[in-house]
Amino acid sequence: MSCPKNLPNVLTVIRALLVPVFMILVIFPLFPETPTRLVGAALFGLISLTDMLDGNLARKYNIVSDFGKFLDPLADKLLVLGAMLSLVLFNGMKEGDYVFAATCTFAIFIVLLRELAVTSLRLLAKKSDGKVIAANMAGKVKTVSQIVFVIAAMLEPLLVGYYPEGFGYLFITYISLAVMVYMTVYSGIKYFMIYLPMIKSE
């Protein structure tokens, strides 16, 4: 059975377009009685699955494209940053957990700084020799760690009861946050160590 040539890229575009839908459902739930955290985690998990699906389809049917190599990580960035921003607003504004909101805001800054740096590296590499840098294993592990953090931050309060008293009560959330920040920084450094020497000077 063949696969439509543009299906992986279509899935990637759909993932990017679903990000604002996810954010609206988390920050402004349509129904006040809706279990926002549960619905948000389910939708986030569903959107994240399209990342695995489009990549598997592209590799299985050998329809990997430069457009997909560039757009796929960009859609991941939008999803993760959108989810983290939603958590900051939801936890901080609606549930009064200012410790988490401040910590997550710092993590957003780290993630954004890393992504801007790596995106700039990708553009330089593209300009230099026409090749688009695909995500390496460290980058993929980083993405998984970000997904785990978002899901943990949404679901753990439902399991332990929501008492915004700081670091102690959301153990899994803060451990996954620390792992995510570490992998974000580590994978960014790895990109520069590997690819920066390959970029031709003007």
Protein backbone atom coordinates (compact mmCIF):
# COMPACT_ATOMS: atom_id res chain seq x y z
CA MET A 1 0.00 0.00 0.00
CA SER A 2 1.35 3.40 -0.96
CA CYS A 3 1.19 6.59 1.04
CA PRO A 4 0.16 9.97 -0.41
CA LYS A 5 3.35 11.92 -0.96
CA ASN A 6 2.31 14.95 1.08
CA LEU A 7 0.53 13.11 3.94
CA PRO A 8 3.40 13.47 6.49
CA ASN A 9 3.61 17.20 5.81
CA VAL A 10 -0.19 17.53 5.98
CA LEU A 11 -0.14 15.87 9.42
CA THR A 12 2.61 18.25 10.51
CA VAL A 13 0.59 21.28 9.37
CA ILE A 14 -2.50 19.93 11.17
CA ARG A 15 -0.41 19.56 14.34
CA ALA A 16 0.66 23.19 14.12
CA LEU A 17 -2.90 24.38 13.48
CA LEU A 18 -4.24 22.44 16.48
CA VAL A 19 -1.91 24.27 18.88
CA PRO A 20 -4.12 27.40 19.26
CA VAL A 21 -7.17 25.11 19.63
CA PHE A 22 -5.42 23.32 22.49
CA MET A 23 -4.44 26.61 24.13
CA ILE A 24 -7.98 27.99 23.96
CA LEU A 25 -9.45 24.81 25.47
CA VAL A 26 -6.98 24.97 28.37
CA ILE A 27 -7.06 28.71 29.08
CA PHE A 28 -10.72 29.32 28.19
CA PRO A 29 -12.59 26.00 28.65
CA LEU A 30 -15.86 25.97 26.73
CA PHE A 31 -17.71 24.50 29.70
CA PRO A 32 -16.78 25.48 33.29
CA GLU A 33 -17.48 21.96 34.55
CA THR A 34 -15.11 20.40 31.99
CA PRO A 35 -12.09 18.69 33.65
CA THR A 36 -9.67 21.06 31.95
CA ARG A 37 -6.50 19.24 32.93
CA LEU A 38 -7.76 15.86 31.75
CA VAL A 39 -9.11 17.20 28.46
CA GLY A 40 -5.96 19.24 27.88
CA ALA A 41 -3.66 16.28 28.55
CA ALA A 42 -5.70 14.03 26.26
CA LEU A 43 -5.67 16.57 23.42
CA PHE A 44 -1.97 17.29 23.91
CA GLY A 45 -1.19 13.57 23.82
CA LEU A 46 -3.28 13.13 20.66
CA ILE A 47 -1.55 16.02 18.92
CA SER A 48 1.86 14.71 20.00
CA LEU A 49 1.08 11.31 18.45
CA THR A 50 0.89 12.95 15.02
CA ASP A 51 4.58 13.77 15.42
CA MET A 52 5.45 10.07 15.67
CA LEU A 53 2.98 9.18 12.92
CA ASP A 54 4.19 11.65 10.29
CA GLY A 55 7.83 10.75 10.93
CA ASN A 56 7.17 7.02 10.67
CA LEU A 57 5.20 7.47 7.44
CA ALA A 58 7.91 9.63 5.89
CA ARG A 59 10.63 7.09 6.69
CA LYS A 60 8.59 3.98 5.85
CA TYR A 61 7.58 5.19 2.41
CA ASN A 62 10.79 7.13 1.75
CA ILE A 63 9.05 10.47 1.31
CA VAL A 64 11.30 12.51 3.59
CA SER A 65 11.52 16.10 2.32
CA ASP A 66 13.49 19.22 3.23
CA PHE A 67 10.15 20.93 3.88
CA GLY A 68 9.23 18.21 6.36
CA LYS A 69 12.66 18.32 8.03
CA PHE A 70 12.20 22.03 8.65
CA LEU A 71 8.47 22.12 9.43
CA ASP A 72 8.31 19.09 11.74
CA PRO A 73 10.58 20.49 14.49
CA LEU A 74 8.92 23.89 14.06
CA ALA A 75 5.50 22.35 14.76
CA ASP A 76 7.00 20.63 17.82
CA LYS A 77 8.28 23.98 19.08
CA LEU A 78 4.88 25.60 18.65
CA LEU A 79 3.15 22.74 20.44
CA VAL A 80 5.51 22.63 23.42
CA LEU A 81 5.77 26.40 23.86
CA GLY A 82 2.01 26.79 23.46
CA ALA A 83 1.38 24.09 26.06
CA MET A 84 3.86 25.57 28.53
CA LEU A 85 2.41 29.06 28.10
CA SER A 86 -1.08 27.64 28.66
CA LEU A 87 0.12 25.98 31.87
CA VAL A 88 1.62 29.24 33.11
CA LEU A 89 -1.63 31.10 32.51
CA PHE A 90 -3.89 28.32 33.79
CA ASN A 91 -1.87 27.51 36.91
CA GLY A 92 -0.95 31.09 37.71
CA MET A 93 -4.11 33.02 36.88
CA LYS A 94 -6.79 30.42 37.61
CA GLU A 95 -5.27 28.26 40.36
CA GLY A 96 -2.86 30.64 42.04
CA ASP A 97 0.23 28.44 41.77
CA TYR A 98 2.71 31.28 41.30
CA VAL A 99 5.74 29.13 42.14
CA PHE A 100 4.97 26.81 39.24
CA ALA A 101 4.07 29.73 36.97
CA ALA A 102 7.42 31.44 37.68
CA THR A 103 9.40 28.20 37.28
CA CYS A 104 7.64 27.29 34.05
CA THR A 105 8.17 30.83 32.71
CA PHE A 106 11.92 30.42 33.29
CA ALA A 107 11.78 27.06 31.45
CA ILE A 108 9.94 28.72 28.55
CA PHE A 109 12.77 31.25 28.29
CA ILE A 110 15.35 28.43 28.15
CA VAL A 111 13.35 26.50 25.55
CA LEU A 112 12.77 29.59 23.42
CA LEU A 113 16.44 30.63 23.58
CA ARG A 114 17.56 27.12 22.56
CA GLU A 115 15.06 26.90 19.71
CA LEU A 116 15.99 30.31 18.31
CA ALA A 117 19.66 29.37 18.43
CA VAL A 118 19.16 25.99 16.74
CA THR A 119 16.80 27.46 14.13
CA SER A 120 19.43 30.08 13.30
CA LEU A 121 21.98 27.27 12.93
CA ARG A 122 19.63 25.41 10.59
CA LEU A 123 19.21 28.51 8.42
CA LEU A 124 22.97 29.08 8.28
CA ALA A 125 23.54 25.46 7.30
CA LYS A 126 20.87 25.71 4.61
CA LYS A 127 22.43 28.88 3.24
CA SER A 128 25.92 27.38 3.36
CA ASP A 129 25.46 24.07 1.53
CA GLY A 130 21.76 23.76 0.81
CA LYS A 131 21.18 20.99 3.36
CA VAL A 132 18.49 21.12 6.03
CA ILE A 133 19.60 19.78 9.43
CA ALA A 134 17.18 17.13 10.63
CA ALA A 135 16.56 16.48 14.29
CA ASN A 136 19.21 14.23 15.85
CA MET A 137 18.68 11.73 18.68
CA ALA A 138 19.41 14.30 21.41
CA GLY A 139 16.82 16.59 19.87
CA LYS A 140 14.26 13.80 19.76
CA VAL A 141 14.90 12.89 23.41
CA LYS A 142 14.52 16.59 24.24
CA THR A 143 11.13 16.64 22.54
CA VAL A 144 10.01 13.52 24.43
CA SER A 145 11.13 15.10 27.74
CA GLN A 146 9.09 18.21 26.95
CA ILE A 147 6.01 16.12 26.18
CA VAL A 148 6.44 14.14 29.41
CA PHE A 149 6.72 17.36 31.42
CA VAL A 150 3.57 18.88 29.94
CA ILE A 151 1.51 15.74 30.55
CA ALA A 152 2.90 15.37 34.09
CA ALA A 153 2.13 19.02 34.88
CA MET A 154 -1.44 18.56 33.69
CA LEU A 155 -2.21 15.22 35.31
CA GLU A 156 -0.22 15.07 38.57
CA PRO A 157 -2.39 17.68 40.36
CA LEU A 158 -5.40 15.46 39.63
CA LEU A 159 -3.65 12.54 41.33
CA VAL A 160 -2.26 14.26 44.42
CA GLY A 161 -4.84 17.00 44.92
CA TYR A 162 -4.17 20.58 43.97
CA TYR A 163 -2.51 22.56 46.75
CA PRO A 164 -0.27 25.31 45.34
CA GLU A 165 2.34 25.26 48.07
CA GLY A 166 5.57 25.09 46.08
CA PHE A 167 7.98 22.42 44.94
CA GLY A 168 7.27 19.59 47.36
CA TYR A 169 3.84 18.37 46.37
CA LEU A 170 4.35 18.00 42.58
CA PHE A 171 7.39 15.75 42.67
CA ILE A 172 7.02 14.20 39.20
CA THR A 173 6.22 17.54 37.61
CA TYR A 174 9.33 19.29 38.90
CA ILE A 175 11.61 16.31 38.25
CA SER A 176 10.37 16.12 34.65
CA LEU A 177 10.79 19.91 34.38
CA ALA A 178 14.44 19.62 35.48
CA VAL A 179 15.06 16.78 33.00
CA MET A 180 13.40 18.79 30.23
CA VAL A 181 15.55 21.88 30.90
CA TYR A 182 18.70 19.73 30.99
CA MET A 183 17.87 17.97 27.71
CA THR A 184 16.91 21.28 26.11
CA VAL A 185 20.31 22.81 26.92
CA TYR A 186 22.28 19.60 26.22
CA SER A 187 20.68 18.96 22.83
CA GLY A 188 21.25 22.59 21.81
CA ILE A 189 24.94 22.34 22.68
CA LYS A 190 25.18 19.05 20.75
CA TYR A 191 23.74 20.67 17.63
CA PHE A 192 26.34 23.42 17.73
CA MET A 193 29.22 21.03 18.47
CA ILE A 194 28.30 18.83 15.51
CA TYR A 195 27.08 21.25 12.87
CA LEU A 196 28.73 24.61 13.49
CA PRO A 197 32.16 23.45 12.17
CA MET A 198 30.42 22.22 9.00
CA ILE A 199 29.05 25.64 8.08
CA LYS A 200 31.15 27.21 5.37
CA SER A 201 32.40 30.69 6.05
CA GLU A 202 31.26 33.41 3.71
